[in-house]
């Protein structure tokens, strides 16, 4: 299993995660981002992709949880530690 580390201030982009997981191709991501900009859509990328039928709710939740995860190790998820201001 791949080990991914969270670095404060460097949150991975959802689209990058979806392409890495093989859910989207680079072209599908570019097209969705272009459509988002072109229409000045207020929809977030995940919502837009689900509306276009390119992403299921389950795929979205998996990618979102990976985006918010500190470390994935041995099938175990460790949540980010809240940073104090």
Foldseek 3Di string as FASTA:
>chain_A
DDKDADDPPDQDDLLVLCCVVVLDPPVVSVVLVVVCVVVVDPDDSVVSCVVVVSDDPVRSVVSVLVSQFGIQDPNDTDGDDDDDD
